PDB file of N, CA and C in Angstrom:
ATOM      1  N   MET A   1       8.812  50.440 -42.858  1.00  0.00           N
ATOM      2  CA  MET A   1       7.857  49.941 -42.135  1.00  0.00           C
ATOM      3  C   MET A   1       7.640  49.085 -41.589  1.00  0.00           C
ATOM      4  N   THR A   2       7.811  47.923 -42.509  1.00  0.00           N
ATOM      5  CA  THR A   2       8.176  46.838 -42.194  1.00  0.00           C
ATOM      6  C   THR A   2       8.943  46.322 -41.122  1.00  0.00           C
ATOM      7  N   ASP A   3      10.202  47.219 -40.783  1.00  0.00           N
ATOM      8  CA  ASP A   3      11.383  47.075 -39.967  1.00  0.00           C
ATOM      9  C   ASP A   3      10.967  47.141 -38.379  1.00  0.00           C
ATOM     10  N   PHE A   4       9.539  47.394 -38.073  1.00  0.00           N
ATOM     11  CA  PHE A   4       9.484  47.224 -36.803  1.00  0.00           C
ATOM     12  C   PHE A   4       7.986  45.977 -36.655  1.00  0.00           C
ATOM     13  N   LEU A   5       7.763  45.527 -37.936  1.00  0.00           N
ATOM     14  CA  LEU A   5       6.173  44.824 -37.353  1.00  0.00           C
ATOM     15  C   LEU A   5       7.299  43.528 -37.520  1.00  0.00           C
ATOM     16  N   VAL A   6       8.309  43.022 -38.397  1.00  0.00           N
ATOM     17  CA  VAL A   6       8.784  41.722 -38.114  1.00  0.00           C
ATOM     18  C   VAL A   6       8.872  41.274 -37.149  1.00  0.00           C
ATOM     19  N   PRO A   7      10.081  42.122 -35.946  1.00  0.00           N
ATOM     20  CA  PRO A   7      10.253  41.769 -35.098  1.00  0.00           C
ATOM     21  C   PRO A   7       8.736  41.674 -33.743  1.00  0.00           C
ATOM     22  N   ILE A   8       8.064  42.221 -34.620  1.00  0.00           N
ATOM     23  CA  ILE A   8       6.412  42.057 -33.553  1.00  0.00           C
ATOM     24  C   ILE A   8       5.879  40.751 -33.977  1.00  0.00           C
ATOM     25  N   ILE A   9       5.734  40.401 -35.049  1.00  0.00           N
ATOM     26  CA  ILE A   9       4.897  39.484 -35.671  1.00  0.00           C
ATOM     27  C   ILE A   9       5.986  38.229 -34.968  1.00  0.00           C
ATOM     28  N   PHE A  10       6.999  38.016 -35.299  1.00  0.00           N
ATOM     29  CA  PHE A  10       7.466  36.954 -35.208  1.00  0.00           C
ATOM     30  C   PHE A  10       8.594  36.303 -33.938  1.00  0.00           C
ATOM     31  N   GLY A  11       8.413  37.795 -32.879  1.00  0.00           N
ATOM     32  CA  GLY A  11       9.121  37.958 -31.862  1.00  0.00           C
ATOM     33  C   GLY A  11       8.791  37.719 -30.630  1.00  0.00           C
ATOM     34  N   TRP A  12       9.002  37.845 -29.494  1.00  0.00           N
ATOM     35  CA  TRP A  12       8.906  37.739 -28.417  1.00  0.00           C
ATOM     36  C   TRP A  12       7.474  38.545 -27.866  1.00  0.00           C
ATOM     37  N   PRO A  13       6.738  39.806 -28.719  1.00  0.00           N
ATOM     38  CA  PRO A  13       5.897  40.139 -28.571  1.00  0.00           C
ATOM     39  C   PRO A  13       4.447  39.434 -28.873  1.00  0.00           C
ATOM     40  N   ALA A  14       4.709  38.434 -29.556  1.00  0.00           N
ATOM     41  CA  ALA A  14       3.793  37.820 -30.468  1.00  0.00           C
ATOM     42  C   ALA A  14       3.701  36.524 -29.447  1.00  0.00           C
ATOM     43  N   ILE A  15       5.040  36.071 -29.017  1.00  0.00           N
ATOM     44  CA  ILE A  15       4.952  34.703 -28.116  1.00  0.00           C
ATOM     45  C   ILE A  15       4.130  35.267 -26.538  1.00  0.00           C
ATOM     46  N   ILE A  16       4.602  36.511 -26.141  1.00  0.00           N
ATOM     47  CA  ILE A  16       4.139  36.803 -24.590  1.00  0.00           C
ATOM     48  C   ILE A  16       2.815  36.826 -24.682  1.00  0.00           C
ATOM     49  N   ALA A  17       1.849  37.878 -25.954  1.00  0.00           N
ATOM     50  CA  ALA A  17       0.702  37.875 -26.270  1.00  0.00           C
ATOM     51  C   ALA A  17      -0.096  36.727 -26.367  1.00  0.00           C
ATOM     52  N   SER A  18       0.583  35.600 -27.278  1.00  0.00           N
ATOM     53  CA  SER A  18      -0.077  34.655 -27.739  1.00  0.00           C
ATOM     54  C   SER A  18      -0.342  33.646 -26.457  1.00  0.00           C
ATOM     55  N   LEU A  19       0.594  33.522 -25.505  1.00  0.00           N
ATOM     56  CA  LEU A  19       0.715  32.766 -24.227  1.00  0.00           C
ATOM     57  C   LEU A  19      -0.279  33.317 -23.342  1.00  0.00           C
ATOM     58  N   GLY A  20      -0.226  34.639 -23.287  1.00  0.00           N
ATOM     59  CA  GLY A  20      -0.851  35.426 -22.149  1.00  0.00           C
ATOM     60  C   GLY A  20      -2.796  35.215 -22.830  1.00  0.00           C
ATOM     61  N   LEU A  21      -2.743  35.396 -23.926  1.00  0.00           N
ATOM     62  CA  LEU A  21      -4.369  35.210 -24.524  1.00  0.00           C
ATOM     63  C   LEU A  21      -4.519  33.697 -24.347  1.00  0.00           C
ATOM     64  N   ALA A  22      -3.722  32.716 -24.515  1.00  0.00           N
ATOM     65  CA  ALA A  22      -4.408  31.381 -24.270  1.00  0.00           C
ATOM     66  C   ALA A  22      -4.293  31.147 -22.859  1.00  0.00           C
ATOM     67  N   LEU A  23      -3.248  31.428 -21.872  1.00  0.00           N
ATOM     68  CA  LEU A  23      -4.010  31.190 -20.615  1.00  0.00           C
ATOM     69  C   LEU A  23      -4.974  32.343 -20.050  1.00  0.00           C
ATOM     70  N   ALA A  24      -5.339  33.195 -20.528  1.00  0.00           N
ATOM     71  CA  ALA A  24      -6.429  33.893 -20.251  1.00  0.00           C
ATOM     72  C   ALA A  24      -7.745  33.072 -20.950  1.00  0.00           C
ATOM     73  N   GLY A  25      -7.775  32.583 -21.585  1.00  0.00           N
ATOM     74  CA  GLY A  25      -8.895  32.040 -22.728  1.00  0.00           C
ATOM     75  C   GLY A  25      -9.125  30.305 -21.546  1.00  0.00           C
ATOM     76  N   ILE A  26      -7.988  30.298 -21.159  1.00  0.00           N
ATOM     77  CA  ILE A  26      -8.262  29.015 -20.020  1.00  0.00           C
ATOM     78  C   ILE A  26      -8.776  29.315 -19.076  1.00  0.00           C
ATOM     79  N   LEU A  27      -8.138  30.424 -18.448  1.00  0.00           N
ATOM     80  CA  LEU A  27      -8.628  30.471 -17.023  1.00  0.00           C
ATOM     81  C   LEU A  27     -10.294  30.978 -16.800  1.00  0.00           C
ATOM     82  N   LEU A  28     -10.186  31.884 -17.961  1.00  0.00           N
ATOM     83  CA  LEU A  28     -11.594  32.764 -17.873  1.00  0.00           C
ATOM     84  C   LEU A  28     -12.786  31.492 -18.499  1.00  0.00           C
ATOM     85  N   LYS A  29     -12.269  30.838 -19.108  1.00  0.00           N
ATOM     86  CA  LYS A  29     -13.024  29.683 -19.809  1.00  0.00           C
ATOM     87  C   LYS A  29     -13.907  29.968 -21.197  1.00  0.00           C
ATOM     88  N   HIS A  30     -13.132  31.186 -21.718  1.00  0.00           N
ATOM     89  CA  HIS A  30     -13.483  31.562 -23.361  1.00  0.00           C
ATOM     90  C   HIS A  30     -12.346  31.124 -24.037  1.00  0.00           C
ATOM     91  N   PRO A  31     -13.399  30.120 -24.906  1.00  0.00           N
ATOM     92  CA  PRO A  31     -12.413  29.202 -26.087  1.00  0.00           C
ATOM     93  C   PRO A  31     -12.037  30.285 -27.393  1.00  0.00           C
ATOM     94  N   ILE A  32     -12.778  31.255 -27.364  1.00  0.00           N
ATOM     95  CA  ILE A  32     -12.643  32.412 -28.321  1.00  0.00           C
ATOM     96  C   ILE A  32     -11.060  33.020 -27.966  1.00  0.00           C
ATOM     97  N   LEU A  33     -11.014  33.123 -26.881  1.00  0.00           N
ATOM     98  CA  LEU A  33      -9.536  33.519 -26.394  1.00  0.00           C
ATOM     99  C   LEU A  33      -8.404  32.875 -26.842  1.00  0.00           C
ATOM    100  N   SER A  34      -8.049  31.443 -26.552  1.00  0.00           N
ATOM    101  CA  SER A  34      -7.325  30.558 -26.222  1.00  0.00           C
ATOM    102  C   SER A  34      -7.019  30.686 -27.704  1.00  0.00           C
ATOM    103  N   LEU A  35      -8.512  30.493 -28.649  1.00  0.00           N
ATOM    104  CA  LEU A  35      -8.180  29.947 -30.350  1.00  0.00           C
ATOM    105  C   LEU A  35      -7.153  31.375 -30.788  1.00  0.00           C
ATOM    106  N   VAL A  36      -7.577  32.731 -30.599  1.00  0.00           N
ATOM    107  CA  VAL A  36      -6.631  33.496 -31.199  1.00  0.00           C
ATOM    108  C   VAL A  36      -4.977  33.627 -30.504  1.00  0.00           C
ATOM    109  N   GLY A  37      -5.202  33.402 -29.008  1.00  0.00           N
ATOM    110  CA  GLY A  37      -3.734  32.741 -28.783  1.00  0.00           C
ATOM    111  C   GLY A  37      -2.707  31.679 -29.554  1.00  0.00           C
ATOM    112  N   ALA A  38      -3.780  30.508 -29.863  1.00  0.00           N
ATOM    113  CA  ALA A  38      -3.211  29.707 -30.539  1.00  0.00           C
ATOM    114  C   ALA A  38      -3.052  30.496 -32.097  1.00  0.00           C
ATOM    115  N   VAL A  39      -3.470  30.977 -32.692  1.00  0.00           N
ATOM    116  CA  VAL A  39      -3.591  31.659 -33.895  1.00  0.00           C
ATOM    117  C   VAL A  39      -2.373  32.477 -34.169  1.00  0.00           C
ATOM    118  N   LEU A  40      -2.061  33.355 -32.995  1.00  0.00           N
ATOM    119  CA  LEU A  40      -0.870  34.265 -32.616  1.00  0.00           C
ATOM    120  C   LEU A  40       0.367  33.672 -32.584  1.00  0.00           C
ATOM    121  N   TYR A  41       0.294  32.347 -32.018  1.00  0.00           N
ATOM    122  CA  TYR A  41       1.682  31.502 -31.689  1.00  0.00           C
ATOM    123  C   TYR A  41       2.028  31.037 -33.383  1.00  0.00           C
ATOM    124  N   LEU A  42       1.573  30.718 -34.063  1.00  0.00           N
ATOM    125  CA  LEU A  42       1.622  30.047 -35.512  1.00  0.00           C
ATOM    126  C   LEU A  42       2.888  30.814 -36.309  1.00  0.00           C
ATOM    127  N   ALA A  43       2.787  32.115 -36.239  1.00  0.00           N
ATOM    128  CA  ALA A  43       4.281  32.780 -36.485  1.00  0.00           C
ATOM    129  C   ALA A  43       5.483  32.744 -35.805  1.00  0.00           C
ATOM    130  N   PRO A  44       5.107  32.830 -34.496  1.00  0.00           N
ATOM    131  CA  PRO A  44       6.683  32.306 -34.025  1.00  0.00           C
ATOM    132  C   PRO A  44       7.184  31.192 -34.184  1.00  0.00           C
ATOM    133  N   ALA A  45       5.977  30.118 -34.483  1.00  0.00           N
ATOM    134  CA  ALA A  45       6.453  28.551 -34.007  1.00  0.00           C
ATOM    135  C   ALA A  45       6.989  28.683 -35.175  1.00  0.00           C
ATOM    136  N   TRP A  46       6.154  29.004 -36.387  1.00  0.00           N
ATOM    137  CA  TRP A  46       6.874  29.023 -37.970  1.00  0.00           C
ATOM    138  C   TRP A  46       8.254  29.085 -37.995  1.00  0.00           C
ATOM    139  N   TYR A  47       8.653  30.399 -37.374  1.00  0.00           N
ATOM    140  CA  TYR A  47       9.832  31.318 -37.455  1.00  0.00           C
ATOM    141  C   TYR A  47      11.273  30.353 -36.857  1.00  0.00           C
ATOM    142  N   LEU A  48      10.522  29.443 -35.293  1.00  0.00           N
ATOM    143  CA  LEU A  48      11.448  28.740 -34.587  1.00  0.00           C
ATOM    144  C   LEU A  48      11.919  27.170 -35.339  1.00  0.00           C
ATOM    145  N   GLY A  49      10.608  26.858 -35.880  1.00  0.00           N
ATOM    146  CA  GLY A  49      10.978  25.834 -36.782  1.00  0.00           C
ATOM    147  C   GLY A  49      12.144  25.887 -38.000  1.00  0.00           C
ATOM    148  N   PHE A  50      12.461  26.915 -38.171  1.00  0.00           N
ATOM    149  CA  PHE A  50      13.512  26.430 -39.116  1.00  0.00           C
ATOM    150  C   PHE A  50      14.931  26.726 -38.415  1.00  0.00           C
ATOM    151  N   TYR A  51      14.729  26.499 -36.998  1.00  0.00           N
ATOM    152  CA  TYR A  51      16.153  26.435 -35.863  1.00  0.00           C
ATOM    153  C   TYR A  51      15.649  24.988 -34.961  1.00  0.00           C
ATOM    154  N   PHE A  52      14.337  24.912 -34.877  1.00  0.00           N
ATOM    155  CA  PHE A  52      14.134  23.796 -33.954  1.00  0.00           C
ATOM    156  C   PHE A  52      13.027  22.261 -34.387  1.00  0.00           C
ATOM    157  N   SER A  53      13.585  21.570 -35.028  1.00  0.00           N
ATOM    158  CA  SER A  53      12.467  21.376 -35.930  1.00  0.00           C
ATOM    159  C   SER A  53      10.714  20.689 -35.101  1.00  0.00           C
ATOM    160  N   PHE A  54      10.957  20.352 -33.996  1.00  0.00           N
ATOM    161  CA  PHE A  54      10.008  20.003 -32.993  1.00  0.00           C
ATOM    162  C   PHE A  54       8.952  20.982 -32.857  1.00  0.00           C
ATOM    163  N   SER A  55       9.366  22.451 -33.096  1.00  0.00           N
ATOM    164  CA  SER A  55       8.513  23.634 -33.064  1.00  0.00           C
ATOM    165  C   SER A  55       7.537  23.896 -34.052  1.00  0.00           C
ATOM    166  N   PHE A  56       7.346  23.042 -35.065  1.00  0.00           N
ATOM    167  CA  PHE A  56       5.765  23.205 -35.886  1.00  0.00           C
ATOM    168  C   PHE A  56       4.964  22.413 -35.202  1.00  0.00           C
ATOM    169  N   ILE A  57       5.384  21.641 -34.549  1.00  0.00           N
ATOM    170  CA  ILE A  57       4.217  20.828 -34.047  1.00  0.00           C
ATOM    171  C   ILE A  57       3.422  21.482 -32.389  1.00  0.00           C
ATOM    172  N   LEU A  58       4.203  22.688 -32.248  1.00  0.00           N
ATOM    173  CA  LEU A  58       3.866  23.693 -30.680  1.00  0.00           C
ATOM    174  C   LEU A  58       2.471  23.919 -30.953  1.00  0.00           C
ATOM    175  N   PRO A  59       1.827  24.622 -32.373  1.00  0.00           N
ATOM    176  CA  PRO A  59       0.712  25.124 -32.544  1.00  0.00           C
ATOM    177  C   PRO A  59      -0.533  24.098 -32.448  1.00  0.00           C
ATOM    178  N   LEU A  60      -0.622  22.906 -32.637  1.00  0.00           N
ATOM    179  CA  LEU A  60      -1.149  22.101 -32.395  1.00  0.00           C
ATOM    180  C   LEU A  60      -1.343  21.785 -30.729  1.00  0.00           C
ATOM    181  N   PHE A  61      -0.846  22.139 -29.739  1.00  0.00           N
ATOM    182  CA  PHE A  61      -0.931  21.921 -28.369  1.00  0.00           C
ATOM    183  C   PHE A  61      -1.839  23.005 -28.341  1.00  0.00           C
ATOM    184  N   SER A  62      -1.454  24.245 -28.792  1.00  0.00           N
ATOM    185  CA  SER A  62      -2.091  25.332 -28.513  1.00  0.00           C
ATOM    186  C   SER A  62      -3.945  25.310 -28.808  1.00  0.00           C
ATOM    187  N   PHE A  63      -3.784  24.876 -30.543  1.00  0.00           N
ATOM    188  CA  PHE A  63      -5.358  24.656 -30.962  1.00  0.00           C
ATOM    189  C   PHE A  63      -5.808  23.365 -30.407  1.00  0.00           C
ATOM    190  N   GLY A  64      -4.758  22.575 -29.657  1.00  0.00           N
ATOM    191  CA  GLY A  64      -5.659  21.389 -28.733  1.00  0.00           C
ATOM    192  C   GLY A  64      -5.951  22.287 -27.336  1.00  0.00           C
ATOM    193  N   SER A  65      -5.498  22.988 -26.943  1.00  0.00           N
ATOM    194  CA  SER A  65      -6.058  23.538 -25.478  1.00  0.00           C
ATOM    195  C   SER A  65      -7.354  24.441 -25.958  1.00  0.00           C
ATOM    196  N   ALA A  66      -7.565  25.186 -26.900  1.00  0.00           N
ATOM    197  CA  ALA A  66      -8.370  25.768 -27.158  1.00  0.00           C
ATOM    198  C   ALA A  66      -9.731  24.406 -27.149  1.00  0.00           C
ATOM    199  N   TYR A  67      -9.974  23.579 -28.271  1.00  0.00           N
ATOM    200  CA  TYR A  67     -10.539  22.809 -28.306  1.00  0.00           C
ATOM    201  C   TYR A  67     -10.867  22.614 -26.800  1.00  0.00           C
ATOM    202  N   ALA A  68      -9.869  22.106 -26.184  1.00  0.00           N
ATOM    203  CA  ALA A  68     -10.384  21.566 -24.516  1.00  0.00           C
ATOM    204  C   ALA A  68     -10.929  22.486 -23.837  1.00  0.00           C
ATOM    205  N   VAL A  69     -10.648  23.578 -24.192  1.00  0.00           N
ATOM    206  CA  VAL A  69     -11.748  24.770 -22.974  1.00  0.00           C
ATOM    207  C   VAL A  69     -12.959  24.861 -23.932  1.00  0.00           C
ATOM    208  N   SER A  70     -13.488  24.704 -25.137  1.00  0.00           N
ATOM    209  CA  SER A  70     -14.466  24.854 -25.538  1.00  0.00           C
ATOM    210  C   SER A  70     -15.564  23.565 -25.437  1.00  0.00           C
ATOM    211  N   LYS A  71     -15.054  22.311 -24.957  1.00  0.00           N
ATOM    212  CA  LYS A  71     -15.426  21.216 -24.502  1.00  0.00           C
ATOM    213  C   LYS A  71     -15.751  21.301 -22.892  1.00  0.00           C
ATOM    214  N   GLY A  72     -15.016  22.445 -21.795  1.00  0.00           N
ATOM    215  CA  GLY A  72     -15.259  22.871 -20.417  1.00  0.00           C
ATOM    216  C   GLY A  72     -13.952  21.904 -19.660  1.00  0.00           C
ATOM    217  N   LYS A  73     -13.022  21.135 -20.366  1.00  0.00           N
ATOM    218  CA  LYS A  73     -11.884  20.499 -19.849  1.00  0.00           C
ATOM    219  C   LYS A  73     -10.946  21.636 -19.517  1.00  0.00           C
ATOM    220  N   THR A  74     -10.912  22.134 -18.550  1.00  0.00           N
ATOM    221  CA  THR A  74     -10.056  22.973 -18.154  1.00  0.00           C
ATOM    222  C   THR A  74      -8.491  22.344 -17.879  1.00  0.00           C
ATOM    223  N   ALA A  75      -8.607  21.437 -17.417  1.00  0.00           N
ATOM    224  CA  ALA A  75      -7.347  20.571 -16.795  1.00  0.00           C
ATOM    225  C   ALA A  75      -6.682  20.215 -17.960  1.00  0.00           C
ATOM    226  N   LEU A  76      -7.243  19.769 -18.855  1.00  0.00           N
ATOM    227  CA  LEU A  76      -6.939  19.005 -19.999  1.00  0.00           C
ATOM    228  C   LEU A  76      -6.305  20.124 -20.855  1.00  0.00           C
ATOM    229  N   ALA A  77      -6.862  21.481 -21.174  1.00  0.00           N
ATOM    230  CA  ALA A  77      -6.499  22.393 -21.656  1.00  0.00           C
ATOM    231  C   ALA A  77      -4.871  22.931 -20.791  1.00  0.00           C
ATOM    232  N   LEU A  78      -4.855  23.361 -19.662  1.00  0.00           N
ATOM    233  CA  LEU A  78      -3.491  23.738 -19.187  1.00  0.00           C
ATOM    234  C   LEU A  78      -2.587  22.659 -19.075  1.00  0.00           C
ATOM    235  N   ALA A  79      -2.727  21.196 -19.235  1.00  0.00           N
ATOM    236  CA  ALA A  79      -1.682  20.163 -19.508  1.00  0.00           C
ATOM    237  C   ALA A  79      -1.461  20.125 -21.144  1.00  0.00           C
ATOM    238  N   LEU A  80      -2.387  21.057 -21.878  1.00  0.00           N
ATOM    239  CA  LEU A  80      -1.901  21.067 -23.286  1.00  0.00           C
ATOM    240  C   LEU A  80      -0.812  22.116 -23.388  1.00  0.00           C
ATOM    241  N   MET A  81      -0.840  23.045 -22.586  1.00  0.00           N
ATOM    242  CA  MET A  81      -0.469  24.364 -22.614  1.00  0.00           C
ATOM    243  C   MET A  81       1.199  24.455 -21.746  1.00  0.00           C
ATOM    244  N   VAL A  82       1.563  23.407 -21.171  1.00  0.00           N
ATOM    245  CA  VAL A  82       2.682  23.152 -20.587  1.00  0.00           C
ATOM    246  C   VAL A  82       4.050  22.693 -21.626  1.00  0.00           C
ATOM    247  N   PRO A  83       3.816  22.121 -22.360  1.00  0.00           N
ATOM    248  CA  PRO A  83       4.901  22.232 -23.366  1.00  0.00           C
ATOM    249  C   PRO A  83       5.411  23.088 -24.100  1.00  0.00           C
ATOM    250  N   ILE A  84       4.068  24.039 -24.589  1.00  0.00           N
ATOM    251  CA  ILE A  84       4.707  25.455 -25.134  1.00  0.00           C
ATOM    252  C   ILE A  84       5.089  26.244 -24.414  1.00  0.00           C
ATOM    253  N   LEU A  85       4.536  26.220 -22.833  1.00  0.00           N
ATOM    254  CA  LEU A  85       5.117  27.026 -21.648  1.00  0.00           C
ATOM    255  C   LEU A  85       6.719  26.573 -21.571  1.00  0.00           C
ATOM    256  N   LEU A  86       7.042  25.615 -21.543  1.00  0.00           N
ATOM    257  CA  LEU A  86       7.867  25.167 -21.156  1.00  0.00           C
ATOM    258  C   LEU A  86       9.293  25.362 -22.415  1.00  0.00           C
ATOM    259  N   ILE A  87       8.771  25.628 -23.522  1.00  0.00           N
ATOM    260  CA  ILE A  87       9.764  25.594 -24.502  1.00  0.00           C
ATOM    261  C   ILE A  87      10.153  26.803 -24.725  1.00  0.00           C
ATOM    262  N   SER A  88       9.288  28.019 -24.324  1.00  0.00           N
ATOM    263  CA  SER A  88       9.462  29.255 -24.544  1.00  0.00           C
ATOM    264  C   SER A  88      10.313  29.749 -23.259  1.00  0.00           C
ATOM    265  N   GLY A  89       9.759  29.401 -22.367  1.00  0.00           N
ATOM    266  CA  GLY A  89      10.559  29.770 -21.332  1.00  0.00           C
ATOM    267  C   GLY A  89      11.968  29.160 -21.347  1.00  0.00           C
ATOM    268  N   TRP A  90      12.385  27.964 -22.124  1.00  0.00           N
ATOM    269  CA  TRP A  90      13.844  27.612 -22.406  1.00  0.00           C
ATOM    270  C   TRP A  90      14.536  28.046 -23.353  1.00  0.00           C
ATOM    271  N   ILE A  91      13.641  28.843 -24.483  1.00  0.00           N
ATOM    272  CA  ILE A  91      14.009  29.554 -25.357  1.00  0.00           C
ATOM    273  C   ILE A  91      14.588  31.159 -24.924  1.00  0.00           C
ATOM    274  N   GLY A  92      13.423  31.447 -24.142  1.00  0.00           N
ATOM    275  CA  GLY A  92      13.901  32.657 -23.378  1.00  0.00           C
ATOM    276  C   GLY A  92      14.912  32.760 -22.741  1.00  0.00           C
ATOM    277  N   PHE A  93      15.203  31.628 -21.894  1.00  0.00           N
ATOM    278  CA  PHE A  93      16.395  31.580 -21.027  1.00  0.00           C
ATOM    279  C   PHE A  93      17.759  31.594 -21.427  1.00  0.00           C
ATOM    280  N   LEU A  94      17.726  30.796 -22.840  1.00  0.00           N
ATOM    281  CA  LEU A  94      18.705  30.808 -23.849  1.00  0.00           C
ATOM    282  C   LEU A  94      19.346  32.069 -24.318  1.00  0.00           C
ATOM    283  N   VAL A  95      17.856  32.678 -24.666  1.00  0.00           N
ATOM    284  CA  VAL A  95      18.643  34.445 -25.197  1.00  0.00           C
ATOM    285  C   VAL A  95      18.904  35.350 -24.182  1.00  0.00           C
ATOM    286  N   LEU A  96      18.347  35.125 -22.791  1.00  0.00           N
ATOM    287  CA  LEU A  96      18.577  35.736 -21.972  1.00  0.00           C
ATOM    288  C   LEU A  96      20.026  35.460 -21.252  1.00  0.00           C
ATOM    289  N   THR A  97      20.485  34.444 -21.540  1.00  0.00           N
ATOM    290  CA  THR A  97      21.679  33.974 -21.049  1.00  0.00           C
ATOM    291  C   THR A  97      23.150  34.331 -21.588  1.00  0.00           C
ATOM    292  N   GLN A  98      22.646  34.297 -22.906  1.00  0.00           N
ATOM    293  CA  GLN A  98      23.454  34.133 -24.034  1.00  0.00           C
ATOM    294  C   GLN A  98      24.860  34.893 -23.908  1.00  0.00           C
ATOM    295  N   SER A  99      26.130  34.964 -24.177  1.00  0.00           N
ATOM    296  CA  SER A  99      27.173  35.727 -23.817  1.00  0.00           C
ATOM    297  C   SER A  99      27.376  36.342 -25.039  1.00  0.00           C
ATOM    298  N   ILE A 100      27.863  37.455 -24.956  1.00  0.00           N
ATOM    299  CA  ILE A 100      28.024  38.752 -25.857  1.00  0.00           C
ATOM    300  C   ILE A 100      29.941  38.025 -26.181  1.00  0.00           C
ATOM    301  N   ARG A 101      30.366  37.953 -27.084  1.00  0.00           N
ATOM    302  CA  ARG A 101      31.908  37.951 -27.710  1.00  0.00           C
ATOM    303  C   ARG A 101      32.257  38.979 -28.382  1.00  0.00           C
TER     304      ARG A 101
END
């Protein structure tokens, strides 16, 4: 049963869901959605931390973004999501362009 849960919790479904919830929370100005997105991003960031040392700090950006939404600072919340979006996009690019040998 856990064979299909591990990729869901630590893989791309969790990353996409967390980014989607965080961005929806920012755009709709609901800090709870942003907070749920930040919590969902903890597991993928923990997993990526074994490969990239900087990914342990990524959830801090997400939690900071949720805090900025709760204070009504949408521009700051979006700015705090930029590193997460860039690194997730970069990792996605690496995965999609890897060559099979």
